Amino acid sequence: MNIQLRQGTAQDLPAVHGLVGELARFERAESSFTATLEEYQEDFADGFFEVIVAEDVEQGKVVGMALYNFVYSTWKGRMLYLEDFVLTPSYRRLGIGQRLWDVLKERGRERGCKLMKWQVLDWNEDAIRFYKSQDAEIETEWYNGKLPL
């Protein structure tokens, strides 16, 4: 299997959007996934987010991705925020997720980030186990807030 990791391009956005749809179904939140492909394309062009993709070169398809952006922590300084980390189920447990994770950390280091943050559902035991294997701290004392604008 020939898996290439690379910085995503506008041409990858349909596949990225599809992977996020897979994630929304997995998280039992498909009705909350309302961002359109056109919005992805506009926001990517505006530099609002970046994405690293894992491409199965032999199949010619994107099978995984890490979508992220850079934010600022008043306590820590520059920070990388991982929005979504998705790998097609048939490509899991092959080391591809670890490779994506390592490239993502390198992107943060290249930009001088001191911290990477993300969210994980409390019932997603496989993801929590993966993050803990990376020596990540899974916080339980903070509540998430959100407000439609």
C-alpha atoms as a PDB file:
ATOM      1  CA  MET A   1       0.000   0.000   0.000  1.00  0.00           C
ATOM      2  CA  ASN A   2       1.430   3.356  -1.054  1.00  0.00           C
ATOM      3  CA  ILE A   3       0.126   6.135   1.225  1.00  0.00           C
ATOM      4  CA  GLN A   4       1.410   9.642   0.622  1.00  0.00           C
ATOM      5  CA  LEU A   5       0.977  12.387   3.211  1.00  0.00           C
ATOM      6  CA  ARG A   6       0.944  15.907   1.851  1.00  0.00           C
ATOM      7  CA  GLN A   7      -0.458  19.348   2.414  1.00  0.00           C
ATOM      8  CA  GLY A   8      -3.991  19.423   1.059  1.00  0.00           C
ATOM      9  CA  THR A   9      -5.007  21.518  -1.932  1.00  0.00           C
ATOM     10  CA  ALA A  10      -8.293  22.917  -3.177  1.00  0.00           C
ATOM     11  CA  GLN A  11      -8.649  19.807  -5.351  1.00  0.00           C
ATOM     12  CA  ASP A  12      -8.761  17.670  -2.193  1.00  0.00           C
ATOM     13  CA  LEU A  13     -11.691  19.533  -0.645  1.00  0.00           C
ATOM     14  CA  PRO A  14     -14.472  17.284  -2.018  1.00  0.00           C
ATOM     15  CA  ALA A  15     -12.747  14.274  -0.423  1.00  0.00           C
ATOM     16  CA  VAL A  16     -12.106  16.206   2.807  1.00  0.00           C
ATOM     17  CA  HIS A  17     -15.763  17.255   2.941  1.00  0.00           C
ATOM     18  CA  GLY A  18     -16.753  13.619   2.424  1.00  0.00           C
ATOM     19  CA  LEU A  19     -14.500  12.460   5.267  1.00  0.00           C
ATOM     20  CA  VAL A  20     -16.042  15.039   7.594  1.00  0.00           C
ATOM     21  CA  GLY A  21     -19.449  13.661   6.591  1.00  0.00           C
ATOM     22  CA  GLU A  22     -18.224  10.176   7.586  1.00  0.00           C
ATOM     23  CA  LEU A  23     -17.084  11.595  10.915  1.00  0.00           C
ATOM     24  CA  ALA A  24     -20.436  13.312  11.498  1.00  0.00           C
ATOM     25  CA  ARG A  25     -22.249  10.002  10.909  1.00  0.00           C
ATOM     26  CA  PHE A  26     -19.847   8.200  13.249  1.00  0.00           C
ATOM     27  CA  GLU A  27     -20.396  10.843  15.928  1.00  0.00           C
ATOM     28  CA  ARG A  28     -24.174  10.521  15.508  1.00  0.00           C
ATOM     29  CA  ALA A  29     -24.396  14.181  14.554  1.00  0.00           C
ATOM     30  CA  GLU A  30     -25.060  14.116  10.826  1.00  0.00           C
ATOM     31  CA  SER A  31     -27.804  16.746  11.080  1.00  0.00           C
ATOM     32  CA  SER A  32     -25.297  19.164  12.644  1.00  0.00           C
ATOM     33  CA  PHE A  33     -22.957  18.915   9.653  1.00  0.00           C
ATOM     34  CA  THR A  34     -24.235  21.868   7.633  1.00  0.00           C
ATOM     35  CA  ALA A  35     -21.064  23.343   6.106  1.00  0.00           C
ATOM     36  CA  THR A  36     -21.220  22.972   2.345  1.00  0.00           C
ATOM     37  CA  LEU A  37     -18.434  22.087  -0.043  1.00  0.00           C
ATOM     38  CA  GLU A  38     -18.702  25.603  -1.455  1.00  0.00           C
ATOM     39  CA  GLU A  39     -18.081  27.036   2.030  1.00  0.00           C
ATOM     40  CA  TYR A  40     -15.060  24.756   2.418  1.00  0.00           C
ATOM     41  CA  GLN A  41     -13.733  26.018  -0.903  1.00  0.00           C
ATOM     42  CA  GLU A  42     -14.243  29.692   0.007  1.00  0.00           C
ATOM     43  CA  ASP A  43     -12.777  29.309   3.492  1.00  0.00           C
ATOM     44  CA  PHE A  44      -9.786  27.329   2.240  1.00  0.00           C
ATOM     45  CA  ALA A  45      -9.119  30.001  -0.397  1.00  0.00           C
ATOM     46  CA  ASP A  46      -9.296  32.635   2.369  1.00  0.00           C
ATOM     47  CA  GLY A  47      -6.702  30.716   4.409  1.00  0.00           C
ATOM     48  CA  PHE A  48      -9.168  30.042   7.218  1.00  0.00           C
ATOM     49  CA  PHE A  49      -7.980  26.448   7.619  1.00  0.00           C
ATOM     50  CA  GLU A  50      -5.335  24.050   6.376  1.00  0.00           C
ATOM     51  CA  VAL A  51      -5.441  20.305   5.890  1.00  0.00           C
ATOM     52  CA  ILE A  52      -2.966  17.464   5.668  1.00  0.00           C
ATOM     53  CA  VAL A  53      -4.225  14.563   3.578  1.00  0.00           C
ATOM     54  CA  ALA A  54      -3.315  10.896   3.399  1.00  0.00           C
ATOM     55  CA  GLU A  55      -3.707   9.687  -0.169  1.00  0.00           C
ATOM     56  CA  ASP A  56      -3.756   6.082  -1.319  1.00  0.00           C
ATOM     57  CA  VAL A  57      -1.681   6.657  -4.430  1.00  0.00           C
ATOM     58  CA  GLU A  58      -2.575   3.303  -5.989  1.00  0.00           C
ATOM     59  CA  GLN A  59      -6.310   3.985  -5.600  1.00  0.00           C
ATOM     60  CA  GLY A  60      -5.972   7.697  -6.329  1.00  0.00           C
ATOM     61  CA  LYS A  61      -8.100   8.714  -3.363  1.00  0.00           C
ATOM     62  CA  VAL A  62      -7.811  10.615  -0.109  1.00  0.00           C
ATOM     63  CA  VAL A  63      -8.332   8.198   2.795  1.00  0.00           C
ATOM     64  CA  GLY A  64      -7.524  10.384   5.770  1.00  0.00           C
ATOM     65  CA  MET A  65      -6.948  13.935   6.866  1.00  0.00           C
ATOM     66  CA  ALA A  66      -6.126  16.306   9.689  1.00  0.00           C
ATOM     67  CA  LEU A  67      -7.905  19.658   9.334  1.00  0.00           C
ATOM     68  CA  TYR A  68      -6.495  22.432  11.494  1.00  0.00           C
ATOM     69  CA  ASN A  69      -5.977  26.148  11.987  1.00  0.00           C
ATOM     70  CA  PHE A  70      -3.783  28.391  14.049  1.00  0.00           C
ATOM     71  CA  VAL A  71      -5.144  30.274  17.049  1.00  0.00           C
ATOM     72  CA  TYR A  72      -3.729  32.283  19.897  1.00  0.00           C
ATOM     73  CA  SER A  73      -3.743  31.335  23.553  1.00  0.00           C
ATOM     74  CA  THR A  74      -3.335  34.298  25.888  1.00  0.00           C
ATOM     75  CA  TRP A  75      -1.734  31.900  28.370  1.00  0.00           C
ATOM     76  CA  LYS A  76       0.568  29.928  26.059  1.00  0.00           C
ATOM     77  CA  GLY A  77       0.974  31.937  22.851  1.00  0.00           C
ATOM     78  CA  ARG A  78       0.733  30.345  19.415  1.00  0.00           C
ATOM     79  CA  MET A  79      -1.399  27.253  19.283  1.00  0.00           C
ATOM     80  CA  LEU A  80      -2.477  24.738  16.651  1.00  0.00           C
ATOM     81  CA  TYR A  81      -6.141  23.738  16.859  1.00  0.00           C
ATOM     82  CA  LEU A  82      -6.999  20.348  15.380  1.00  0.00           C
ATOM     83  CA  GLU A  83     -10.589  20.502  14.188  1.00  0.00           C
ATOM     84  CA  ASP A  84     -10.954  17.056  12.634  1.00  0.00           C
ATOM     85  CA  PHE A  85      -8.747  13.984  12.423  1.00  0.00           C
ATOM     86  CA  VAL A  86     -10.318  11.296  10.238  1.00  0.00           C
ATOM     87  CA  LEU A  87      -9.136   8.073   8.674  1.00  0.00           C
ATOM     88  CA  THR A  88     -11.365   5.823   6.553  1.00  0.00           C
ATOM     89  CA  PRO A  89     -12.052   2.700   8.673  1.00  0.00           C
ATOM     90  CA  SER A  90     -10.412   0.228   6.280  1.00  0.00           C
ATOM     91  CA  TYR A  91      -7.156   2.206   6.544  1.00  0.00           C
ATOM     92  CA  ARG A  92      -7.003   2.232  10.337  1.00  0.00           C
ATOM     93  CA  ARG A  93      -4.461   0.270  12.379  1.00  0.00           C
ATOM     94  CA  LEU A  94      -1.867   0.513   9.598  1.00  0.00           C
ATOM     95  CA  GLY A  95       0.185   3.337  11.110  1.00  0.00           C
ATOM     96  CA  ILE A  96      -1.308   6.005   8.840  1.00  0.00           C
ATOM     97  CA  GLY A  97      -2.955   7.846  11.724  1.00  0.00           C
ATOM     98  CA  GLN A  98       0.354   8.013  13.559  1.00  0.00           C
ATOM     99  CA  ARG A  99       2.041   9.395  10.457  1.00  0.00           C
ATOM    100  CA  LEU A 100      -0.676  12.046  10.069  1.00  0.00           C
ATOM    101  CA  TRP A 101      -0.339  12.938  13.757  1.00  0.00           C
ATOM    102  CA  ASP A 102       3.429  13.321  13.461  1.00  0.00           C
ATOM    103  CA  VAL A 103       3.174  15.579  10.398  1.00  0.00           C
ATOM    104  CA  LEU A 104       0.526  17.666  12.160  1.00  0.00           C
ATOM    105  CA  LYS A 105       2.796  18.182  15.174  1.00  0.00           C
ATOM    106  CA  GLU A 106       5.612  19.181  12.835  1.00  0.00           C
ATOM    107  CA  ARG A 107       3.361  21.801  11.168  1.00  0.00           C
ATOM    108  CA  GLY A 108       2.711  23.301  14.592  1.00  0.00           C
ATOM    109  CA  ARG A 109       6.398  23.334  15.470  1.00  0.00           C
ATOM    110  CA  GLU A 110       7.247  24.960  12.115  1.00  0.00           C
ATOM    111  CA  ARG A 111       4.892  27.834  13.021  1.00  0.00           C
ATOM    112  CA  GLY A 112       6.274  28.209  16.540  1.00  0.00           C
ATOM    113  CA  CYS A 113       3.236  26.749  18.301  1.00  0.00           C
ATOM    114  CA  LYS A 114       3.648  25.791  21.927  1.00  0.00           C
ATOM    115  CA  LEU A 115       0.460  23.767  22.237  1.00  0.00           C
ATOM    116  CA  MET A 116      -1.983  21.704  20.193  1.00  0.00           C
ATOM    117  CA  LYS A 117      -5.592  21.415  21.289  1.00  0.00           C
ATOM    118  CA  TRP A 118      -8.613  19.468  20.066  1.00  0.00           C
ATOM    119  CA  GLN A 119     -11.848  17.945  21.285  1.00  0.00           C
ATOM    120  CA  VAL A 120     -12.822  14.302  21.588  1.00  0.00           C
ATOM    121  CA  LEU A 121     -16.167  12.803  22.518  1.00  0.00           C
ATOM    122  CA  ASP A 122     -16.169  11.126  25.919  1.00  0.00           C
ATOM    123  CA  TRP A 123     -17.462   7.854  24.415  1.00  0.00           C
ATOM    124  CA  ASN A 124     -14.866   7.629  21.621  1.00  0.00           C
ATOM    125  CA  GLU A 125     -12.618   5.223  23.480  1.00  0.00           C
ATOM    126  CA  ASP A 126     -10.448   4.344  20.470  1.00  0.00           C
ATOM    127  CA  ALA A 127      -9.601   8.014  19.879  1.00  0.00           C
ATOM    128  CA  ILE A 128      -8.977   8.656  23.571  1.00  0.00           C
ATOM    129  CA  ARG A 129      -6.698   5.630  23.728  1.00  0.00           C
ATOM    130  CA  PHE A 130      -4.766   6.919  20.688  1.00  0.00           C
ATOM    131  CA  TYR A 131      -4.391  10.417  22.148  1.00  0.00           C
ATOM    132  CA  LYS A 132      -3.253   9.064  25.498  1.00  0.00           C
ATOM    133  CA  SER A 133      -0.677   6.890  23.710  1.00  0.00           C
ATOM    134  CA  GLN A 134       0.716  10.184  22.365  1.00  0.00           C
ATOM    135  CA  ASP A 135       1.177  11.430  25.952  1.00  0.00           C
ATOM    136  CA  ALA A 136      -1.722  13.846  25.496  1.00  0.00           C
ATOM    137  CA  GLU A 137      -3.628  15.190  28.442  1.00  0.00           C
ATOM    138  CA  ILE A 138      -7.385  14.702  28.086  1.00  0.00           C
ATOM    139  CA  GLU A 139      -8.995  17.494  30.084  1.00  0.00           C
ATOM    140  CA  THR A 140     -12.267  16.914  31.888  1.00  0.00           C
ATOM    141  CA  GLU A 141     -12.646  20.108  33.904  1.00  0.00           C
ATOM    142  CA  TRP A 142     -13.524  22.538  31.066  1.00  0.00           C
ATOM    143  CA  TYR A 143     -16.934  22.841  29.471  1.00  0.00           C
ATOM    144  CA  ASN A 144     -17.254  23.707  25.800  1.00  0.00           C
ATOM    145  CA  GLY A 145     -19.241  26.804  24.914  1.00  0.00           C
ATOM    146  CA  LYS A 146     -20.751  27.763  21.584  1.00  0.00           C
ATOM    147  CA  LEU A 147     -23.044  30.442  20.261  1.00  0.00           C
ATOM    148  CA  PRO A 148     -24.542  30.682  16.771  1.00  0.00           C
ATOM    149  CA  LEU A 149     -23.702  33.970  15.055  1.00  0.00           C
END
